[in-house]
């Protein structure tokens, strides 16, 4: 009997699926991005409130999000 462990990641923006051999836990695949966005609510510090968004993005979606973050000239 043998066991094959596969780590599966899904892009949180477009749904692209990536499978790789081995157990990598919560680490995104090579060239993928991990994004954390934190909102601060009035009267609340960073740890006590607000909304948090955590996402894993495929390379294509990561580039699109990065482009939106660039300053417009």
PDB file of N, CA and C in Angstrom:
ATOM      1  N   UNK A   1       0.838  -1.176   0.000  1.00  0.00           N
ATOM      2  CA  UNK A   1       0.000   0.000   0.000  1.00  0.00           C
ATOM      3  C   UNK A   1       0.886   1.244   0.000  1.00  0.00           C
ATOM      4  N   UNK A   2       0.477   2.245  -0.755  1.00  0.00           N
ATOM      5  CA  UNK A   2       1.232   3.501  -0.782  1.00  0.00           C
ATOM      6  C   UNK A   2       0.273   4.667  -0.630  1.00  0.00           C
ATOM      7  N   UNK A   3       0.820   5.770  -0.172  1.00  0.00           N
ATOM      8  CA  UNK A   3       0.035   6.989   0.010  1.00  0.00           C
ATOM      9  C   UNK A   3       0.663   8.090  -0.821  1.00  0.00           C
ATOM     10  N   UNK A   4      -0.164   8.817  -1.542  1.00  0.00           N
ATOM     11  CA  UNK A   4       0.291   9.936  -2.350  1.00  0.00           C
ATOM     12  C   UNK A   4      -0.366  11.200  -1.807  1.00  0.00           C
ATOM     13  N   UNK A   5       0.447  12.129  -1.330  1.00  0.00           N
ATOM     14  CA  UNK A   5      -0.069  13.384  -0.787  1.00  0.00           C
ATOM     15  C   UNK A   5       0.045  14.464  -1.854  1.00  0.00           C
ATOM     16  N   UNK A   6      -1.049  15.182  -2.064  1.00  0.00           N
ATOM     17  CA  UNK A   6      -1.100  16.244  -3.063  1.00  0.00           C
ATOM     18  C   UNK A   6      -1.644  17.500  -2.394  1.00  0.00           C
ATOM     19  N   UNK A   7      -0.989  18.637  -2.641  1.00  0.00           N
ATOM     20  CA  UNK A   7      -1.481  19.920  -2.162  1.00  0.00           C
ATOM     21  C   UNK A   7      -2.229  20.598  -3.304  1.00  0.00           C
ATOM     22  N   UNK A   8      -3.440  21.039  -3.026  1.00  0.00           N
ATOM     23  CA  UNK A   8      -4.272  21.694  -4.041  1.00  0.00           C
ATOM     24  C   UNK A   8      -4.498  23.142  -3.618  1.00  0.00           C
ATOM     25  N   UNK A   9      -4.240  24.067  -4.527  1.00  0.00           N
ATOM     26  CA  UNK A   9      -4.497  25.483  -4.286  1.00  0.00           C
ATOM     27  C   UNK A   9      -5.460  25.988  -5.349  1.00  0.00           C
ATOM     28  N   UNK A  10      -6.361  26.867  -4.951  1.00  0.00           N
ATOM     29  CA  UNK A  10      -7.304  27.492  -5.875  1.00  0.00           C
ATOM     30  C   UNK A  10      -7.155  28.997  -5.784  1.00  0.00           C
ATOM     31  N   UNK A  11      -7.094  29.665  -6.932  1.00  0.00           N
ATOM     32  CA  UNK A  11      -7.014  31.121  -6.958  1.00  0.00           C
ATOM     33  C   UNK A  11      -8.336  31.679  -6.440  1.00  0.00           C
ATOM     34  N   UNK A  12      -8.248  32.585  -5.488  1.00  0.00           N
ATOM     35  CA  UNK A  12      -9.448  33.171  -4.901  1.00  0.00           C
ATOM     36  C   UNK A  12     -10.092  34.231  -5.795  1.00  0.00           C
ATOM     37  N   UNK A  13      -9.456  34.559  -6.888  1.00  0.00           N
ATOM     38  CA  UNK A  13     -10.030  35.551  -7.809  1.00  0.00           C
ATOM     39  C   UNK A  13     -10.667  34.884  -9.023  1.00  0.00           C
ATOM     40  N   UNK A  14      -9.956  33.968  -9.677  1.00  0.00           N
ATOM     41  CA  UNK A  14     -10.479  33.355 -10.910  1.00  0.00           C
ATOM     42  C   UNK A  14     -10.821  31.872 -10.771  1.00  0.00           C
ATOM     43  N   UNK A  15     -10.385  31.251  -9.674  1.00  0.00           N
ATOM     44  CA  UNK A  15     -10.707  29.843  -9.450  1.00  0.00           C
ATOM     45  C   UNK A  15      -9.726  28.851 -10.054  1.00  0.00           C
ATOM     46  N   UNK A  16      -8.639  29.323 -10.674  1.00  0.00           N
ATOM     47  CA  UNK A  16      -7.654  28.412 -11.248  1.00  0.00           C
ATOM     48  C   UNK A  16      -7.177  27.420 -10.187  1.00  0.00           C
ATOM     49  N   UNK A  17      -7.084  26.163 -10.564  1.00  0.00           N
ATOM     50  CA  UNK A  17      -6.680  25.101  -9.642  1.00  0.00           C
ATOM     51  C   UNK A  17      -5.242  24.689  -9.933  1.00  0.00           C
ATOM     52  N   UNK A  18      -4.444  24.511  -8.873  1.00  0.00           N
ATOM     53  CA  UNK A  18      -3.054  24.089  -9.010  1.00  0.00           C
ATOM     54  C   UNK A  18      -2.813  22.911  -8.076  1.00  0.00           C
ATOM     55  N   UNK A  19      -2.307  21.800  -8.613  1.00  0.00           N
ATOM     56  CA  UNK A  19      -1.996  20.614  -7.806  1.00  0.00           C
ATOM     57  C   UNK A  19      -0.502  20.364  -7.844  1.00  0.00           C
ATOM     58  N   UNK A  20       0.052  19.983  -6.686  1.00  0.00           N
ATOM     59  CA  UNK A  20       1.472  19.645  -6.634  1.00  0.00           C
ATOM     60  C   UNK A  20       1.685  18.539  -5.616  1.00  0.00           C
ATOM     61  N   UNK A  21       2.720  17.750  -5.871  1.00  0.00           N
ATOM     62  CA  UNK A  21       3.052  16.623  -4.993  1.00  0.00           C
ATOM     63  C   UNK A  21       3.536  17.125  -3.637  1.00  0.00           C
ATOM     64  N   UNK A  22       3.183  16.427  -2.587  1.00  0.00           N
ATOM     65  CA  UNK A  22       3.684  16.731  -1.258  1.00  0.00           C
ATOM     66  C   UNK A  22       2.730  17.591  -0.449  1.00  0.00           C
ATOM     67  N   UNK A  23       3.044  17.692   0.832  1.00  0.00           N
ATOM     68  CA  UNK A  23       2.232  18.484   1.748  1.00  0.00           C
ATOM     69  C   UNK A  23       2.908  19.826   1.992  1.00  0.00           C
ATOM     70  N   UNK A  24       2.281  20.897   1.563  1.00  0.00           N
ATOM     71  CA  UNK A  24       2.851  22.226   1.749  1.00  0.00           C
ATOM     72  C   UNK A  24       1.989  23.115   2.626  1.00  0.00           C
ATOM     73  N   UNK A  25       0.946  22.585   3.206  1.00  0.00           N
ATOM     74  CA  UNK A  25       0.122  23.366   4.127  1.00  0.00           C
ATOM     75  C   UNK A  25      -0.498  24.578   3.476  1.00  0.00           C
ATOM     76  N   UNK A  26      -0.340  25.728   4.122  1.00  0.00           N
ATOM     77  CA  UNK A  26      -0.974  26.955   3.648  1.00  0.00           C
ATOM     78  C   UNK A  26      -0.043  27.817   2.802  1.00  0.00           C
ATOM     79  N   UNK A  27       0.968  27.224   2.199  1.00  0.00           N
ATOM     80  CA  UNK A  27       1.913  27.970   1.371  1.00  0.00           C
ATOM     81  C   UNK A  27       1.405  27.950  -0.075  1.00  0.00           C
ATOM     82  N   UNK A  28       1.275  29.129  -0.702  1.00  0.00           N
ATOM     83  CA  UNK A  28       0.835  29.129  -2.097  1.00  0.00           C
ATOM     84  C   UNK A  28       1.921  28.558  -3.012  1.00  0.00           C
ATOM     85  N   UNK A  29       1.539  28.121  -4.208  1.00  0.00           N
ATOM     86  CA  UNK A  29       2.521  27.597  -5.157  1.00  0.00           C
ATOM     87  C   UNK A  29       3.558  28.658  -5.541  1.00  0.00           C
ATOM     88  N   UNK A  30       4.671  28.204  -6.076  1.00  0.00           N
ATOM     89  CA  UNK A  30       5.718  29.107  -6.561  1.00  0.00           C
ATOM     90  C   UNK A  30       5.106  30.035  -7.614  1.00  0.00           C
ATOM     91  N   UNK A  31       5.435  31.306  -7.556  1.00  0.00           N
ATOM     92  CA  UNK A  31       4.975  32.382  -8.428  1.00  0.00           C
ATOM     93  C   UNK A  31       3.552  32.847  -8.131  1.00  0.00           C
ATOM     94  N   UNK A  32       2.853  32.215  -7.196  1.00  0.00           N
ATOM     95  CA  UNK A  32       1.545  32.695  -6.768  1.00  0.00           C
ATOM     96  C   UNK A  32       1.746  33.749  -5.690  1.00  0.00           C
ATOM     97  N   UNK A  33       0.700  34.507  -5.383  1.00  0.00           N
ATOM     98  CA  UNK A  33       0.792  35.567  -4.378  1.00  0.00           C
ATOM     99  C   UNK A  33      -0.191  35.312  -3.241  1.00  0.00           C
ATOM    100  N   UNK A  34       0.225  35.736  -2.069  1.00  0.00           N
ATOM    101  CA  UNK A  34      -0.642  35.717  -0.898  1.00  0.00           C
ATOM    102  C   UNK A  34      -0.963  37.170  -0.564  1.00  0.00           C
ATOM    103  N   UNK A  35      -2.248  37.501  -0.482  1.00  0.00           N
ATOM    104  CA  UNK A  35      -2.680  38.881  -0.279  1.00  0.00           C
ATOM    105  C   UNK A  35      -3.468  38.970   1.021  1.00  0.00           C
ATOM    106  N   UNK A  36      -3.144  39.992   1.820  1.00  0.00           N
ATOM    107  CA  UNK A  36      -3.885  40.267   3.043  1.00  0.00           C
ATOM    108  C   UNK A  36      -4.331  41.719   2.994  1.00  0.00           C
ATOM    109  N   UNK A  37      -5.618  41.928   3.136  1.00  0.00           N
ATOM    110  CA  UNK A  37      -6.176  43.273   3.109  1.00  0.00           C
ATOM    111  C   UNK A  37      -6.933  43.481   4.417  1.00  0.00           C
ATOM    112  N   UNK A  38      -6.590  44.550   5.133  1.00  0.00           N
ATOM    113  CA  UNK A  38      -7.190  44.823   6.435  1.00  0.00           C
ATOM    114  C   UNK A  38      -7.892  46.180   6.384  1.00  0.00           C
ATOM    115  N   UNK A  39      -9.152  46.186   6.797  1.00  0.00           N
ATOM    116  CA  UNK A  39      -9.911  47.419   6.918  1.00  0.00           C
ATOM    117  C   UNK A  39      -9.942  47.818   8.387  1.00  0.00           C
ATOM    118  N   UNK A  40      -9.821  49.085   8.644  1.00  0.00           N
ATOM    119  CA  UNK A  40      -9.917  49.572  10.025  1.00  0.00           C
ATOM    120  C   UNK A  40     -11.230  50.320  10.182  1.00  0.00           C
ATOM    121  N   UNK A  41     -12.018  49.912  11.163  1.00  0.00           N
ATOM    122  CA  UNK A  41     -13.293  50.573  11.427  1.00  0.00           C
ATOM    123  C   UNK A  41     -13.088  51.748  12.370  1.00  0.00           C
ATOM    124  N   UNK A  42     -13.969  52.733  12.347  1.00  0.00           N
ATOM    125  CA  UNK A  42     -13.852  53.872  13.256  1.00  0.00           C
ATOM    126  C   UNK A  42     -13.833  53.411  14.719  1.00  0.00           C
ATOM    127  N   UNK A  43     -12.928  53.998  15.483  1.00  0.00           N
ATOM    128  CA  UNK A  43     -12.850  53.695  16.895  1.00  0.00           C
ATOM    129  C   UNK A  43     -12.221  52.364  17.237  1.00  0.00           C
ATOM    130  N   UNK A  44     -11.725  51.629  16.250  1.00  0.00           N
ATOM    131  CA  UNK A  44     -11.138  50.312  16.497  1.00  0.00           C
ATOM    132  C   UNK A  44      -9.685  50.312  16.044  1.00  0.00           C
ATOM    133  N   UNK A  45      -8.846  49.669  16.826  1.00  0.00           N
ATOM    134  CA  UNK A  45      -7.458  49.490  16.405  1.00  0.00           C
ATOM    135  C   UNK A  45      -7.366  48.356  15.403  1.00  0.00           C
ATOM    136  N   UNK A  46      -6.166  48.060  14.974  1.00  0.00           N
ATOM    137  CA  UNK A  46      -5.982  47.001  13.979  1.00  0.00           C
ATOM    138  C   UNK A  46      -6.340  45.621  14.510  1.00  0.00           C
ATOM    139  N   UNK A  47      -6.110  45.399  15.795  1.00  0.00           N
ATOM    140  CA  UNK A  47      -6.350  44.052  16.314  1.00  0.00           C
ATOM    141  C   UNK A  47      -7.766  43.853  16.822  1.00  0.00           C
ATOM    142  N   UNK A  48      -8.513  44.943  17.072  1.00  0.00           N
ATOM    143  CA  UNK A  48      -9.796  44.792  17.725  1.00  0.00           C
ATOM    144  C   UNK A  48     -11.014  44.845  16.826  1.00  0.00           C
ATOM    145  N   UNK A  49     -10.854  45.122  15.596  1.00  0.00           N
ATOM    146  CA  UNK A  49     -12.033  45.228  14.748  1.00  0.00           C
ATOM    147  C   UNK A  49     -11.664  45.354  13.298  1.00  0.00           C
ATOM    148  N   UNK A  50     -12.648  45.655  12.518  1.00  0.00           N
ATOM    149  CA  UNK A  50     -12.427  45.792  11.086  1.00  0.00           C
ATOM    150  C   UNK A  50     -12.662  44.492  10.358  1.00  0.00           C
ATOM    151  N   UNK A  51     -12.415  44.545   9.107  1.00  0.00           N
ATOM    152  CA  UNK A  51     -12.638  43.383   8.239  1.00  0.00           C
ATOM    153  C   UNK A  51     -11.305  42.956   7.664  1.00  0.00           C
ATOM    154  N   UNK A  52     -11.109  41.649   7.542  1.00  0.00           N
ATOM    155  CA  UNK A  52      -9.878  41.107   6.961  1.00  0.00           C
ATOM    156  C   UNK A  52     -10.220  40.226   5.762  1.00  0.00           C
ATOM    157  N   UNK A  53      -9.433  40.384   4.717  1.00  0.00           N
ATOM    158  CA  UNK A  53      -9.580  39.564   3.524  1.00  0.00           C
ATOM    159  C   UNK A  53      -8.233  38.914   3.252  1.00  0.00           C
ATOM    160  N   UNK A  54      -8.186  37.597   3.235  1.00  0.00           N
ATOM    161  CA  UNK A  54      -6.975  36.848   2.903  1.00  0.00           C
ATOM    162  C   UNK A  54      -7.244  36.088   1.611  1.00  0.00           C
ATOM    163  N   UNK A  55      -6.301  36.135   0.678  1.00  0.00           N
ATOM    164  CA  UNK A  55      -6.506  35.479  -0.610  1.00  0.00           C
ATOM    165  C   UNK A  55      -5.195  34.946  -1.155  1.00  0.00           C
ATOM    166  N   UNK A  56      -5.304  33.879  -1.938  1.00  0.00           N
ATOM    167  CA  UNK A  56      -4.197  33.374  -2.738  1.00  0.00           C
ATOM    168  C   UNK A  56      -4.540  33.647  -4.185  1.00  0.00           C
ATOM    169  N   UNK A  57      -3.575  34.197  -4.930  1.00  0.00           N
ATOM    170  CA  UNK A  57      -3.819  34.577  -6.319  1.00  0.00           C
ATOM    171  C   UNK A  57      -2.833  33.896  -7.257  1.00  0.00           C
ATOM    172  N   UNK A  58      -3.343  33.414  -8.387  1.00  0.00           N
ATOM    173  CA  UNK A  58      -2.481  32.847  -9.417  1.00  0.00           C
ATOM    174  C   UNK A  58      -1.630  33.974  -9.997  1.00  0.00           C
ATOM    175  N   UNK A  59      -0.572  33.655 -10.735  1.00  0.00           N
ATOM    176  CA  UNK A  59       0.294  34.716 -11.271  1.00  0.00           C
ATOM    177  C   UNK A  59      -0.444  35.754 -12.116  1.00  0.00           C
ATOM    178  N   UNK A  60      -1.392  35.328 -12.930  1.00  0.00           N
ATOM    179  CA  UNK A  60      -2.126  36.258 -13.788  1.00  0.00           C
ATOM    180  C   UNK A  60      -2.967  37.228 -12.958  1.00  0.00           C
ATOM    181  N   UNK A  61      -3.697  36.712 -11.986  1.00  0.00           N
ATOM    182  CA  UNK A  61      -4.524  37.571 -11.136  1.00  0.00           C
ATOM    183  C   UNK A  61      -3.659  38.455 -10.245  1.00  0.00           C
ATOM    184  N   UNK A  62      -2.535  37.942  -9.785  1.00  0.00           N
ATOM    185  CA  UNK A  62      -1.631  38.736  -8.955  1.00  0.00           C
ATOM    186  C   UNK A  62      -1.121  39.938  -9.737  1.00  0.00           C
ATOM    187  N   UNK A  63      -0.765  39.733 -11.008  1.00  0.00           N
ATOM    188  CA  UNK A  63      -0.304  40.849 -11.842  1.00  0.00           C
ATOM    189  C   UNK A  63      -1.416  41.886 -12.035  1.00  0.00           C
ATOM    190  N   UNK A  64      -2.663  41.415 -12.226  1.00  0.00           N
ATOM    191  CA  UNK A  64      -3.788  42.325 -12.419  1.00  0.00           C
ATOM    192  C   UNK A  64      -4.023  43.161 -11.156  1.00  0.00           C
ATOM    193  N   UNK A  65      -3.980  42.529  -9.990  1.00  0.00           N
ATOM    194  CA  UNK A  65      -4.180  43.252  -8.730  1.00  0.00           C
ATOM    195  C   UNK A  65      -3.031  44.221  -8.498  1.00  0.00           C
ATOM    196  N   UNK A  66      -1.819  43.792  -8.784  1.00  0.00           N
ATOM    197  CA  UNK A  66      -0.644  44.668  -8.612  1.00  0.00           C
ATOM    198  C   UNK A  66      -0.763  45.890  -9.521  1.00  0.00           C
ATOM    199  N   UNK A  67      -1.244  45.703 -10.741  1.00  0.00           N
ATOM    200  CA  UNK A  67      -1.410  46.822 -11.666  1.00  0.00           C
ATOM    201  C   UNK A  67      -2.426  47.830 -11.134  1.00  0.00           C
ATOM    202  N   UNK A  68      -3.475  47.352 -10.469  1.00  0.00           N
ATOM    203  CA  UNK A  68      -4.470  48.258  -9.884  1.00  0.00           C
ATOM    204  C   UNK A  68      -3.884  49.060  -8.730  1.00  0.00           C
ATOM    205  N   UNK A  69      -2.874  48.503  -8.072  1.00  0.00           N
ATOM    206  CA  UNK A  69      -2.275  49.170  -6.925  1.00  0.00           C
ATOM    207  C   UNK A  69      -1.245  50.221  -7.328  1.00  0.00           C
ATOM    208  N   UNK A  70      -0.805  50.218  -8.573  1.00  0.00           N
ATOM    209  CA  UNK A  70       0.192  51.190  -9.039  1.00  0.00           C
ATOM    210  C   UNK A  70      -0.426  52.570  -9.101  1.00  0.00           C
ATOM    211  N   UNK A  71       0.351  53.565  -8.772  1.00  0.00           N
ATOM    212  CA  UNK A  71      -0.129  54.943  -8.846  1.00  0.00           C
ATOM    213  C   UNK A  71      -0.344  55.355 -10.299  1.00  0.00           C
ATOM    214  N   UNK A  72      -1.434  56.064 -10.519  1.00  0.00           N
ATOM    215  CA  UNK A  72      -1.690  56.600 -11.856  1.00  0.00           C
ATOM    216  C   UNK A  72      -0.866  57.872 -12.037  1.00  0.00           C
ATOM    217  N   UNK A  73      -0.250  58.009 -13.188  1.00  0.00           N
ATOM    218  CA  UNK A  73       0.559  59.207 -13.457  1.00  0.00           C
ATOM    219  C   UNK A  73      -0.283  60.323 -14.013  1.00  0.00           C
TER     220      UNK A  73
END
